[in-house]
Amino acid sequence: MNYRIQEKHTGAGRRIGLLGGTFDPAHEGHRHISEVALKRLNLDSVWWLVTPQNPLKKQRPTASLERRMQSARVIARHPRLHVADVEKRLGAHYTIDAIRLLQARYPDVRFVWVMGADNFIQLPRWKHWTEIILALPVAVIARPRYHLSAGLSKAACRYHVYRQNPEQAVLLPTTRPPAWTLIIDRLHSASSTQLRATRAG
């Protein structure tokens, strides 16, 4: 199955959100975060970057990349959500590598990193996490039980002077990084951890 991003989605000036993860499995929460980002940031599309292996989850068996890609395709079901194995195709080992390679390949696209508040709390554990924030704007979407902690997290405190007003989130894709915002919208409780636990039970 072809998971290549089509060139029609990469025209100059396009506003594209990048949502990375293992998607093991993909769920409605991923789609909810993406739809909030599409609306609040006025994005042309959101790309789901399904990673071959999350370095922070090496201790846990992960479903095959193809199985996770298919799971994401089933859940995405939106004309402006695109599932792609970009990291595998580009040979990127870490998020920052994928970001830099995409920016080099599509220099006229305005990329925004999209993530849930739970992952934003963990961001300092990521490889070269400060370089991610310096590379492109970051949109943090509230998740149940996590949005308050996200606003007080290590990343939030370190870059507090670059926090943008969520009511002006539409400006984020054109804002020079570092720039980030925490968007509180309708919350969705689905999580991959819960789904795996349900399957195991």
N, C-alpha and C. Protein backbone atom coordinates (compact mmCIF):
# COMPACT_ATOMS: atom_id res chain seq x y z
N MET A 1 0.85 -1.20 0.00
CA MET A 1 0.00 0.00 0.00
C MET A 1 0.88 1.25 0.00
N ASN A 2 0.48 2.27 -0.75
CA ASN A 2 1.29 3.49 -0.89
C ASN A 2 0.92 4.50 0.19
N TYR A 3 1.91 4.87 0.99
CA TYR A 3 1.70 5.87 2.03
C TYR A 3 2.54 7.11 1.76
N ARG A 4 2.84 7.35 0.50
CA ARG A 4 3.64 8.50 0.13
C ARG A 4 2.76 9.76 0.10
N ILE A 5 3.29 10.89 0.59
CA ILE A 5 2.57 12.16 0.52
C ILE A 5 2.56 12.63 -0.93
N GLN A 6 1.40 12.94 -1.45
CA GLN A 6 1.30 13.40 -2.83
C GLN A 6 1.71 14.86 -2.93
N GLU A 7 2.34 15.20 -4.06
CA GLU A 7 2.88 16.54 -4.25
C GLU A 7 1.80 17.62 -4.20
N LYS A 8 0.56 17.26 -4.52
CA LYS A 8 -0.51 18.26 -4.51
C LYS A 8 -0.76 18.80 -3.10
N HIS A 9 -0.27 18.08 -2.08
CA HIS A 9 -0.47 18.50 -0.69
C HIS A 9 0.70 19.32 -0.16
N THR A 10 1.66 19.67 -1.03
CA THR A 10 2.87 20.33 -0.55
C THR A 10 3.17 21.63 -1.28
N GLY A 11 2.14 22.29 -1.78
CA GLY A 11 2.34 23.55 -2.50
C GLY A 11 2.84 24.67 -1.61
N ALA A 12 3.43 25.67 -2.24
CA ALA A 12 3.98 26.82 -1.50
C ALA A 12 2.90 27.49 -0.67
N GLY A 13 3.25 27.82 0.57
CA GLY A 13 2.34 28.53 1.45
C GLY A 13 1.32 27.67 2.16
N ARG A 14 1.31 26.38 1.87
CA ARG A 14 0.34 25.51 2.54
C ARG A 14 0.69 25.39 4.02
N ARG A 15 -0.33 25.28 4.83
CA ARG A 15 -0.20 25.21 6.30
C ARG A 15 -0.49 23.78 6.70
N ILE A 16 0.54 23.08 7.17
CA ILE A 16 0.42 21.65 7.40
C ILE A 16 0.84 21.30 8.83
N GLY A 17 -0.05 20.58 9.52
CA GLY A 17 0.26 20.10 10.85
C GLY A 17 0.91 18.73 10.77
N LEU A 18 1.87 18.48 11.64
CA LEU A 18 2.54 17.18 11.72
C LEU A 18 2.21 16.55 13.07
N LEU A 19 1.57 15.40 13.04
CA LEU A 19 1.22 14.68 14.27
C LEU A 19 1.97 13.35 14.24
N GLY A 20 3.00 13.23 15.07
CA GLY A 20 3.81 12.03 15.08
C GLY A 20 3.42 11.09 16.20
N GLY A 21 3.79 9.81 16.03
CA GLY A 21 3.51 8.85 17.09
C GLY A 21 3.58 7.42 16.60
N THR A 22 3.43 6.49 17.52
CA THR A 22 3.42 5.08 17.14
C THR A 22 2.05 4.66 16.61
N PHE A 23 0.99 5.34 17.06
CA PHE A 23 -0.38 5.00 16.65
C PHE A 23 -0.63 3.50 16.88
N ASP A 24 -0.40 3.07 18.11
CA ASP A 24 -0.49 1.65 18.44
C ASP A 24 -1.51 1.39 19.54
N PRO A 25 -2.79 1.37 19.18
CA PRO A 25 -3.34 1.62 17.84
C PRO A 25 -3.77 3.07 17.68
N ALA A 26 -4.08 3.46 16.45
CA ALA A 26 -4.69 4.76 16.21
C ALA A 26 -6.09 4.75 16.81
N HIS A 27 -6.57 5.92 17.24
CA HIS A 27 -7.89 5.98 17.87
C HIS A 27 -8.55 7.33 17.61
N GLU A 28 -9.78 7.46 18.08
CA GLU A 28 -10.56 8.67 17.82
C GLU A 28 -9.92 9.91 18.44
N GLY A 29 -9.13 9.72 19.51
CA GLY A 29 -8.44 10.87 20.11
C GLY A 29 -7.45 11.50 19.14
N HIS A 30 -6.77 10.67 18.34
CA HIS A 30 -5.86 11.21 17.33
C HIS A 30 -6.61 12.06 16.32
N ARG A 31 -7.75 11.53 15.89
CA ARG A 31 -8.54 12.28 14.90
C ARG A 31 -9.09 13.56 15.51
N HIS A 32 -9.50 13.49 16.79
CA HIS A 32 -10.02 14.68 17.46
C HIS A 32 -8.96 15.78 17.53
N ILE A 33 -7.75 15.42 17.96
CA ILE A 33 -6.66 16.39 18.04
C ILE A 33 -6.41 17.02 16.67
N SER A 34 -6.43 16.19 15.65
CA SER A 34 -6.19 16.68 14.29
C SER A 34 -7.29 17.63 13.83
N GLU A 35 -8.53 17.30 14.12
CA GLU A 35 -9.65 18.15 13.70
C GLU A 35 -9.62 19.48 14.43
N VAL A 36 -9.24 19.47 15.73
CA VAL A 36 -9.10 20.72 16.47
C VAL A 36 -8.01 21.57 15.84
N ALA A 37 -6.88 20.95 15.49
CA ALA A 37 -5.78 21.69 14.87
C ALA A 37 -6.20 22.25 13.51
N LEU A 38 -6.90 21.47 12.72
CA LEU A 38 -7.37 21.95 11.41
C LEU A 38 -8.21 23.21 11.57
N LYS A 39 -9.10 23.18 12.55
CA LYS A 39 -10.04 24.28 12.75
C LYS A 39 -9.36 25.50 13.37
N ARG A 40 -8.67 25.29 14.47
CA ARG A 40 -8.14 26.42 15.23
C ARG A 40 -6.91 27.06 14.59
N LEU A 41 -6.12 26.26 13.84
CA LEU A 41 -4.92 26.79 13.20
C LEU A 41 -5.15 27.12 11.73
N ASN A 42 -6.36 26.81 11.25
CA ASN A 42 -6.69 27.01 9.84
C ASN A 42 -5.67 26.31 8.94
N LEU A 43 -5.48 25.03 9.20
CA LEU A 43 -4.51 24.24 8.44
C LEU A 43 -5.14 23.69 7.16
N ASP A 44 -4.29 23.48 6.18
CA ASP A 44 -4.75 22.83 4.94
C ASP A 44 -4.87 21.33 5.15
N SER A 45 -4.00 20.77 5.97
CA SER A 45 -4.03 19.33 6.24
C SER A 45 -3.19 19.02 7.47
N VAL A 46 -3.39 17.81 7.98
CA VAL A 46 -2.55 17.28 9.06
C VAL A 46 -2.00 15.94 8.59
N TRP A 47 -0.69 15.78 8.70
CA TRP A 47 -0.06 14.52 8.33
C TRP A 47 0.18 13.70 9.58
N TRP A 48 -0.26 12.45 9.57
CA TRP A 48 0.04 11.53 10.66
C TRP A 48 1.33 10.81 10.31
N LEU A 49 2.39 11.08 11.06
CA LEU A 49 3.69 10.47 10.81
C LEU A 49 3.83 9.26 11.74
N VAL A 50 3.59 8.10 11.19
CA VAL A 50 3.63 6.86 11.98
C VAL A 50 5.08 6.40 12.05
N THR A 51 5.64 6.43 13.26
CA THR A 51 7.05 6.10 13.43
C THR A 51 7.29 4.60 13.40
N PRO A 52 8.38 4.15 12.79
CA PRO A 52 8.70 2.71 12.80
C PRO A 52 8.87 2.18 14.23
N GLN A 53 9.50 2.98 15.10
CA GLN A 53 9.69 2.58 16.50
C GLN A 53 9.96 3.80 17.35
N ASN A 54 9.14 4.01 18.36
CA ASN A 54 9.34 5.11 19.29
C ASN A 54 10.46 4.74 20.26
N PRO A 55 11.56 5.51 20.29
CA PRO A 55 12.68 5.18 21.18
C PRO A 55 12.29 5.13 22.66
N LEU A 56 11.22 5.83 23.04
CA LEU A 56 10.80 5.83 24.44
C LEU A 56 9.96 4.60 24.79
N LYS A 57 9.62 3.79 23.77
CA LYS A 57 8.76 2.63 24.02
C LYS A 57 9.41 1.33 23.59
N LYS A 58 10.73 1.29 23.62
CA LYS A 58 11.43 0.09 23.18
C LYS A 58 11.19 -1.11 24.10
N GLN A 59 10.80 -0.85 25.35
CA GLN A 59 10.59 -1.94 26.29
C GLN A 59 9.24 -2.63 26.08
N ARG A 60 8.39 -2.03 25.25
CA ARG A 60 7.07 -2.61 25.01
C ARG A 60 6.95 -3.08 23.57
N PRO A 61 6.52 -4.31 23.34
CA PRO A 61 6.32 -4.79 21.96
C PRO A 61 5.35 -3.90 21.21
N THR A 62 5.68 -3.58 19.98
CA THR A 62 4.85 -2.72 19.16
C THR A 62 4.35 -3.48 17.96
N ALA A 63 3.11 -3.24 17.56
CA ALA A 63 2.57 -3.88 16.36
C ALA A 63 3.40 -3.46 15.15
N SER A 64 3.34 -4.25 14.09
CA SER A 64 4.13 -3.94 12.90
C SER A 64 3.75 -2.58 12.34
N LEU A 65 4.68 -1.96 11.64
CA LEU A 65 4.43 -0.66 11.04
C LEU A 65 3.23 -0.72 10.09
N GLU A 66 3.18 -1.75 9.28
CA GLU A 66 2.08 -1.87 8.32
C GLU A 66 0.73 -1.98 9.03
N ARG A 67 0.69 -2.73 10.10
CA ARG A 67 -0.56 -2.88 10.85
C ARG A 67 -0.98 -1.55 11.46
N ARG A 68 -0.02 -0.80 11.99
CA ARG A 68 -0.33 0.49 12.59
C ARG A 68 -0.73 1.52 11.53
N MET A 69 -0.11 1.43 10.36
CA MET A 69 -0.48 2.32 9.27
C MET A 69 -1.93 2.06 8.85
N GLN A 70 -2.30 0.80 8.74
CA GLN A 70 -3.66 0.45 8.35
C GLN A 70 -4.66 0.91 9.40
N SER A 71 -4.27 0.76 10.67
CA SER A 71 -5.12 1.23 11.76
C SER A 71 -5.35 2.73 11.65
N ALA A 72 -4.28 3.47 11.35
CA ALA A 72 -4.40 4.92 11.23
C ALA A 72 -5.27 5.31 10.05
N ARG A 73 -5.15 4.58 8.95
CA ARG A 73 -5.97 4.89 7.77
C ARG A 73 -7.45 4.71 8.08
N VAL A 74 -7.78 3.68 8.84
CA VAL A 74 -9.18 3.42 9.19
C VAL A 74 -9.74 4.54 10.05
N ILE A 75 -8.94 5.01 11.01
CA ILE A 75 -9.40 6.04 11.94
C ILE A 75 -9.42 7.42 11.31
N ALA A 76 -8.45 7.72 10.47
CA ALA A 76 -8.32 9.08 9.92
C ALA A 76 -9.59 9.52 9.19
N ARG A 77 -9.99 8.78 8.20
CA ARG A 77 -11.21 9.00 7.39
C ARG A 77 -11.66 10.47 7.35
N HIS A 78 -10.77 11.28 6.84
CA HIS A 78 -11.03 12.71 6.70
C HIS A 78 -10.22 13.18 5.49
N PRO A 79 -10.82 13.97 4.59
CA PRO A 79 -10.11 14.36 3.36
C PRO A 79 -8.84 15.17 3.59
N ARG A 80 -8.69 15.75 4.78
CA ARG A 80 -7.49 16.56 5.04
C ARG A 80 -6.55 15.94 6.06
N LEU A 81 -6.78 14.67 6.36
CA LEU A 81 -5.87 13.91 7.22
C LEU A 81 -5.15 12.88 6.35
N HIS A 82 -3.84 12.90 6.38
CA HIS A 82 -3.05 12.02 5.52
C HIS A 82 -2.09 11.20 6.36
N VAL A 83 -2.16 9.88 6.19
CA VAL A 83 -1.31 8.95 6.93
C VAL A 83 -0.10 8.62 6.07
N ALA A 84 1.11 8.74 6.65
CA ALA A 84 2.31 8.50 5.85
C ALA A 84 3.43 7.89 6.70
N ASP A 85 4.23 7.03 6.07
CA ASP A 85 5.40 6.46 6.74
C ASP A 85 6.62 7.29 6.38
N VAL A 86 6.51 8.59 6.65
CA VAL A 86 7.55 9.54 6.28
C VAL A 86 8.89 9.20 6.92
N GLU A 87 8.89 8.86 8.20
CA GLU A 87 10.16 8.59 8.88
C GLU A 87 10.88 7.41 8.24
N LYS A 88 10.14 6.38 7.88
CA LYS A 88 10.76 5.22 7.24
C LYS A 88 11.30 5.60 5.87
N ARG A 89 10.50 6.33 5.09
CA ARG A 89 10.92 6.70 3.74
C ARG A 89 12.13 7.62 3.74
N LEU A 90 12.19 8.53 4.72
CA LEU A 90 13.28 9.49 4.77
C LEU A 90 14.48 8.97 5.56
N GLY A 91 14.32 7.83 6.22
CA GLY A 91 15.41 7.30 7.03
C GLY A 91 15.65 8.11 8.28
N ALA A 92 14.59 8.67 8.86
CA ALA A 92 14.71 9.50 10.06
C ALA A 92 14.60 8.62 11.31
N HIS A 93 15.54 8.79 12.24
CA HIS A 93 15.52 7.99 13.46
C HIS A 93 14.81 8.70 14.60
N TYR A 94 14.77 10.02 14.55
CA TYR A 94 14.15 10.80 15.61
C TYR A 94 13.26 11.88 15.01
N THR A 95 12.36 12.42 15.84
CA THR A 95 11.42 13.44 15.38
C THR A 95 12.14 14.62 14.75
N ILE A 96 13.20 15.10 15.38
CA ILE A 96 13.90 16.27 14.86
C ILE A 96 14.48 15.98 13.48
N ASP A 97 14.91 14.73 13.25
CA ASP A 97 15.43 14.38 11.92
C ASP A 97 14.34 14.47 10.87
N ALA A 98 13.15 13.94 11.20
CA ALA A 98 12.03 13.99 10.25
C ALA A 98 11.63 15.42 9.95
N ILE A 99 11.60 16.26 10.97
CA ILE A 99 11.23 17.67 10.78
C ILE A 99 12.21 18.36 9.85
N ARG A 100 13.48 18.19 10.10
CA ARG A 100 14.49 18.85 9.28
C ARG A 100 14.46 18.37 7.84
N LEU A 101 14.26 17.07 7.65
CA LEU A 101 14.22 16.54 6.29
C LEU A 101 12.99 17.04 5.55
N LEU A 102 11.84 17.12 6.23
CA LEU A 102 10.63 17.64 5.60
C LEU A 102 10.77 19.12 5.26
N GLN A 103 11.35 19.89 6.16
CA GLN A 103 11.55 21.31 5.90
C GLN A 103 12.50 21.54 4.75
N ALA A 104 13.51 20.69 4.62
CA ALA A 104 14.45 20.82 3.50
C ALA A 104 13.79 20.44 2.18
N ARG A 105 12.93 19.43 2.23
CA ARG A 105 12.27 18.97 1.00
C ARG A 105 11.16 19.92 0.57
N TYR A 106 10.47 20.53 1.55
CA TYR A 106 9.35 21.43 1.24
C TYR A 106 9.58 22.78 1.92
N PRO A 107 10.53 23.54 1.44
CA PRO A 107 10.90 24.80 2.13
C PRO A 107 9.82 25.87 2.13
N ASP A 108 8.83 25.76 1.26
CA ASP A 108 7.79 26.78 1.18
C ASP A 108 6.52 26.41 1.95
N VAL A 109 6.54 25.25 2.60
CA VAL A 109 5.40 24.82 3.41
C VAL A 109 5.56 25.34 4.83
N ARG A 110 4.47 25.77 5.43
CA ARG A 110 4.48 26.24 6.82
C ARG A 110 4.05 25.07 7.71
N PHE A 111 5.03 24.40 8.27
CA PHE A 111 4.77 23.25 9.12
C PHE A 111 4.53 23.68 10.58
N VAL A 112 3.64 22.96 11.25
CA VAL A 112 3.38 23.12 12.68
C VAL A 112 3.40 21.75 13.32
N TRP A 113 4.10 21.60 14.44
CA TRP A 113 4.08 20.33 15.15
C TRP A 113 2.85 20.31 16.04
N VAL A 114 2.03 19.27 15.91
CA VAL A 114 0.78 19.12 16.67
C VAL A 114 0.96 17.97 17.64
N MET A 115 0.58 18.18 18.90
CA MET A 115 0.72 17.12 19.88
C MET A 115 -0.30 17.28 21.00
N GLY A 116 -0.63 16.16 21.64
CA GLY A 116 -1.53 16.21 22.77
C GLY A 116 -0.80 16.73 24.01
N ALA A 117 -1.56 17.25 24.96
CA ALA A 117 -0.96 17.81 26.18
C ALA A 117 -0.18 16.75 26.95
N ASP A 118 -0.61 15.48 26.89
CA ASP A 118 0.11 14.42 27.60
C ASP A 118 1.51 14.24 27.04
N ASN A 119 1.65 14.32 25.72
CA ASN A 119 2.97 14.19 25.10
C ASN A 119 3.83 15.43 25.32
N PHE A 120 3.20 16.58 25.42
CA PHE A 120 3.96 17.80 25.67
C PHE A 120 4.66 17.73 27.03
N ILE A 121 4.00 17.11 28.00
CA ILE A 121 4.61 16.94 29.32
C ILE A 121 5.88 16.09 29.21
N GLN A 122 5.86 15.10 28.32
CA GLN A 122 6.99 14.20 28.15
C GLN A 122 8.04 14.73 27.18
N LEU A 123 7.78 15.84 26.54
CA LEU A 123 8.67 16.35 25.50
C LEU A 123 10.14 16.43 25.92
N PRO A 124 10.48 16.85 27.14
CA PRO A 124 11.90 16.91 27.51
C PRO A 124 12.63 15.56 27.48
N ARG A 125 11.90 14.47 27.37
CA ARG A 125 12.53 13.15 27.25
C ARG A 125 12.90 12.82 25.81
N TRP A 126 12.41 13.62 24.86
CA TRP A 126 12.67 13.37 23.45
C TRP A 126 14.09 13.80 23.09
N LYS A 127 14.64 13.14 22.09
CA LYS A 127 15.98 13.48 21.60
C LYS A 127 15.98 14.90 21.03
N HIS A 128 16.88 15.73 21.52
CA HIS A 128 17.03 17.11 21.02
C HIS A 128 15.70 17.87 21.06
N TRP A 129 15.00 17.76 22.18
CA TRP A 129 13.66 18.35 22.26
C TRP A 129 13.66 19.86 22.10
N THR A 130 14.69 20.54 22.59
CA THR A 130 14.72 21.99 22.44
C THR A 130 14.87 22.39 20.98
N GLU A 131 15.53 21.56 20.20
CA GLU A 131 15.69 21.86 18.77
C GLU A 131 14.37 21.73 18.03
N ILE A 132 13.48 20.87 18.53
CA ILE A 132 12.16 20.75 17.92
C ILE A 132 11.40 22.06 18.08
N ILE A 133 11.44 22.62 19.28
CA ILE A 133 10.72 23.87 19.54
C ILE A 133 11.34 25.03 18.75
N LEU A 134 12.64 24.97 18.54
CA LEU A 134 13.30 26.02 17.78
C LEU A 134 13.10 25.86 16.27
N ALA A 135 12.69 24.66 15.85
CA ALA A 135 12.58 24.38 14.41
C ALA A 135 11.25 24.80 13.80
N LEU A 136 10.16 24.69 14.58
CA LEU A 136 8.84 25.01 14.02
C LEU A 136 7.87 25.30 15.16
N PRO A 137 6.78 26.02 14.88
CA PRO A 137 5.79 26.30 15.92
C PRO A 137 5.16 24.99 16.43
N VAL A 138 4.72 25.02 17.69
CA VAL A 138 4.15 23.82 18.31
C VAL A 138 2.76 24.13 18.82
N ALA A 139 1.79 23.32 18.42
CA ALA A 139 0.42 23.45 18.90
C ALA A 139 0.11 22.30 19.83
N VAL A 140 -0.15 22.61 21.08
CA VAL A 140 -0.47 21.59 22.09
C VAL A 140 -1.98 21.57 22.27
N ILE A 141 -2.58 20.41 22.07
CA ILE A 141 -4.04 20.28 22.17
C ILE A 141 -4.38 19.61 23.50
N ALA A 142 -5.29 20.20 24.24
CA ALA A 142 -5.65 19.71 25.57
C ALA A 142 -6.17 18.28 25.52
N ARG A 143 -5.77 17.49 26.53
CA ARG A 143 -6.28 16.15 26.74
C ARG A 143 -6.82 16.06 28.16
N PRO A 144 -7.84 15.23 28.41
CA PRO A 144 -8.39 15.11 29.76
C PRO A 144 -7.31 14.80 30.79
N ARG A 145 -7.31 15.52 31.89
CA ARG A 145 -6.41 15.33 33.03
C ARG A 145 -5.00 15.85 32.79
N TYR A 146 -4.69 16.32 31.60
CA TYR A 146 -3.31 16.69 31.31
C TYR A 146 -3.10 18.18 31.00
N HIS A 147 -4.14 18.90 30.62
CA HIS A 147 -3.89 20.25 30.10
C HIS A 147 -3.37 21.20 31.17
N LEU A 148 -3.79 21.04 32.43
CA LEU A 148 -3.28 21.91 33.48
C LEU A 148 -1.80 21.62 33.73
N SER A 149 -1.45 20.34 33.79
CA SER A 149 -0.06 19.97 33.99
C SER A 149 0.82 20.39 32.82
N ALA A 150 0.26 20.33 31.62
CA ALA A 150 1.03 20.73 30.43
C ALA A 150 1.42 22.19 30.52
N GLY A 151 0.51 23.02 31.03
CA GLY A 151 0.78 24.45 31.13
C GLY A 151 1.83 24.79 32.17
N LEU A 152 2.13 23.82 33.06
CA LEU A 152 3.14 24.02 34.11
C LEU A 152 4.34 23.11 33.92
N SER A 153 4.43 22.45 32.78
CA SER A 153 5.48 21.47 32.54
C SER A 153 6.84 22.12 32.32
N LYS A 154 7.87 21.29 32.26
CA LYS A 154 9.23 21.78 32.06
C LYS A 154 9.35 22.56 30.75
N ALA A 155 8.77 22.02 29.68
CA ALA A 155 8.84 22.69 28.38
C ALA A 155 8.09 24.03 28.43
N ALA A 156 6.92 24.03 29.07
CA ALA A 156 6.12 25.26 29.17
C ALA A 156 6.87 26.33 29.95
N CYS A 157 7.51 25.93 31.05
CA CYS A 157 8.23 26.90 31.87
C CYS A 157 9.46 27.43 31.15
N ARG A 158 10.17 26.54 30.48
CA ARG A 158 11.40 26.98 29.80
C ARG A 158 11.10 27.96 28.68
N TYR A 159 9.96 27.76 28.00
CA TYR A 159 9.63 28.61 26.84
C TYR A 159 8.37 29.44 27.11
N HIS A 160 8.18 29.84 28.36
CA HIS A 160 6.95 30.55 28.72
C HIS A 160 6.82 31.89 28.00
N VAL A 161 7.94 32.56 27.71
CA VAL A 161 7.84 33.86 27.05
C VAL A 161 7.43 33.73 25.58
N TYR A 162 7.46 32.52 25.05
CA TYR A 162 7.08 32.30 23.65
C TYR A 162 5.68 31.71 23.51
N ARG A 163 4.98 31.62 24.63
CA ARG A 163 3.61 31.07 24.59
C ARG A 163 2.68 32.08 23.94
N GLN A 164 1.89 31.59 22.97
CA GLN A 164 0.98 32.44 22.21
C GLN A 164 -0.45 32.32 22.75
N ASN A 165 -1.21 33.37 22.55
CA ASN A 165 -2.61 33.38 22.95
C ASN A 165 -3.39 32.36 22.11
N PRO A 166 -4.05 31.38 22.74
CA PRO A 166 -4.78 30.38 21.96
C PRO A 166 -5.92 30.97 21.15
N GLU A 167 -6.42 32.13 21.55
CA GLU A 167 -7.47 32.78 20.78
C GLU A 167 -6.95 33.30 19.45
N GLN A 168 -5.63 33.38 19.32
CA GLN A 168 -5.00 33.81 18.08
C GLN A 168 -4.18 32.68 17.46
N ALA A 169 -4.62 31.46 17.72
CA ALA A 169 -3.89 30.28 17.24
C ALA A 169 -3.79 30.24 15.73
N VAL A 170 -4.71 30.88 15.05
CA VAL A 170 -4.68 30.90 13.59
C VAL A 170 -3.39 31.53 13.07
N LEU A 171 -2.74 32.34 13.89
CA LEU A 171 -1.50 33.00 13.47
C LEU A 171 -0.27 32.12 13.68
N LEU A 172 -0.41 31.04 14.42
CA LEU A 172 0.74 30.22 14.80
C LEU A 172 1.53 29.69 13.60
N PRO A 173 0.89 29.18 12.54
CA PRO A 173 1.67 28.64 11.43
C PRO A 173 2.57 29.67 10.74
N THR A 174 2.26 30.94 10.87
CA THR A 174 3.07 31.98 10.24
C THR A 174 3.96 32.70 11.25
N THR A 175 4.00 32.20 12.47
CA THR A 175 4.82 32.80 13.51
C THR A 175 6.20 32.16 13.53
N ARG A 176 7.22 32.98 13.61
CA ARG A 176 8.59 32.45 13.62
C ARG A 176 8.86 31.75 14.94
N PRO A 177 9.40 30.52 14.89
CA PRO A 177 9.70 29.80 16.14
C PRO A 177 10.92 30.42 16.84
N PRO A 178 10.98 30.23 18.16
CA PRO A 178 10.08 29.40 18.98
C PRO A 178 8.74 30.08 19.22
N ALA A 179 7.70 29.30 19.13
CA ALA A 179 6.34 29.77 19.39
C ALA A 179 5.48 28.54 19.66
N TRP A 180 4.66 28.61 20.70
CA TRP A 180 3.78 27.48 21.00
C TRP A 180 2.52 28.00 21.67
N THR A 181 1.49 27.18 21.62
CA THR A 181 0.25 27.55 22.27
C THR A 181 -0.42 26.29 22.80
N LEU A 182 -1.24 26.46 23.83
CA LEU A 182 -2.02 25.37 24.41
C LEU A 182 -3.49 25.64 24.13
N ILE A 183 -4.08 24.81 23.30
CA ILE A 183 -5.45 25.00 22.87
C ILE A 183 -6.39 24.10 23.66
N ILE A 184 -7.34 24.71 24.34
CA ILE A 184 -8.33 23.96 25.10
C ILE A 184 -9.64 23.99 24.33
N ASP A 185 -10.06 22.84 23.87
CA ASP A 185 -11.27 22.71 23.08
C ASP A 185 -12.07 21.57 23.70
N ARG A 186 -13.04 21.06 22.99
CA ARG A 186 -13.76 19.89 23.47
C ARG A 186 -12.76 18.76 23.69
N LEU A 187 -12.85 18.09 24.85
CA LEU A 187 -11.88 17.06 25.20
C LEU A 187 -12.34 15.68 24.75
N HIS A 188 -11.36 14.84 24.41
CA HIS A 188 -11.65 13.46 24.00
C HIS A 188 -10.76 12.54 24.82
N SER A 189 -11.34 11.52 25.44
CA SER A 189 -10.61 10.72 26.42
C SER A 189 -9.91 9.49 25.85
N ALA A 190 -10.10 9.17 24.58
CA ALA A 190 -9.50 7.94 24.03
C ALA A 190 -7.99 7.98 24.11
N SER A 191 -7.38 6.81 24.40
CA SER A 191 -5.93 6.72 24.43
C SER A 191 -5.50 5.33 23.98
N SER A 192 -4.30 5.26 23.38
CA SER A 192 -3.77 3.98 22.92
C SER A 192 -3.53 3.04 24.09
N THR A 193 -3.09 3.58 25.22
CA THR A 193 -2.82 2.76 26.40
C THR A 193 -4.08 2.05 26.87
N GLN A 194 -5.19 2.78 26.93
CA GLN A 194 -6.45 2.19 27.36
C GLN A 194 -6.92 1.11 26.37
N LEU A 195 -6.76 1.39 25.09
CA LEU A 195 -7.20 0.44 24.09
C LEU A 195 -6.38 -0.85 24.16
N ARG A 196 -5.06 -0.73 24.38
CA ARG A 196 -4.23 -1.92 24.51
C ARG A 196 -4.63 -2.73 25.75
N ALA A 197 -4.93 -2.03 26.84
CA ALA A 197 -5.33 -2.69 28.07
C ALA A 197 -6.65 -3.44 27.87
N THR A 198 -7.57 -2.83 27.13
CA THR A 198 -8.86 -3.47 26.86
C THR A 198 -8.66 -4.74 26.04
N ARG A 199 -7.79 -4.65 25.03
CA ARG A 199 -7.53 -5.83 24.20
C ARG A 199 -6.90 -6.96 25.02
N ALA A 200 -5.96 -6.58 25.89
CA ALA A 200 -5.27 -7.59 26.71
C ALA A 200 -6.21 -8.26 27.67
N GLY A 201 -7.22 -7.47 28.15
CA GLY A 201 -8.18 -8.04 29.08
C GLY A 201 -9.14 -8.96 28.42
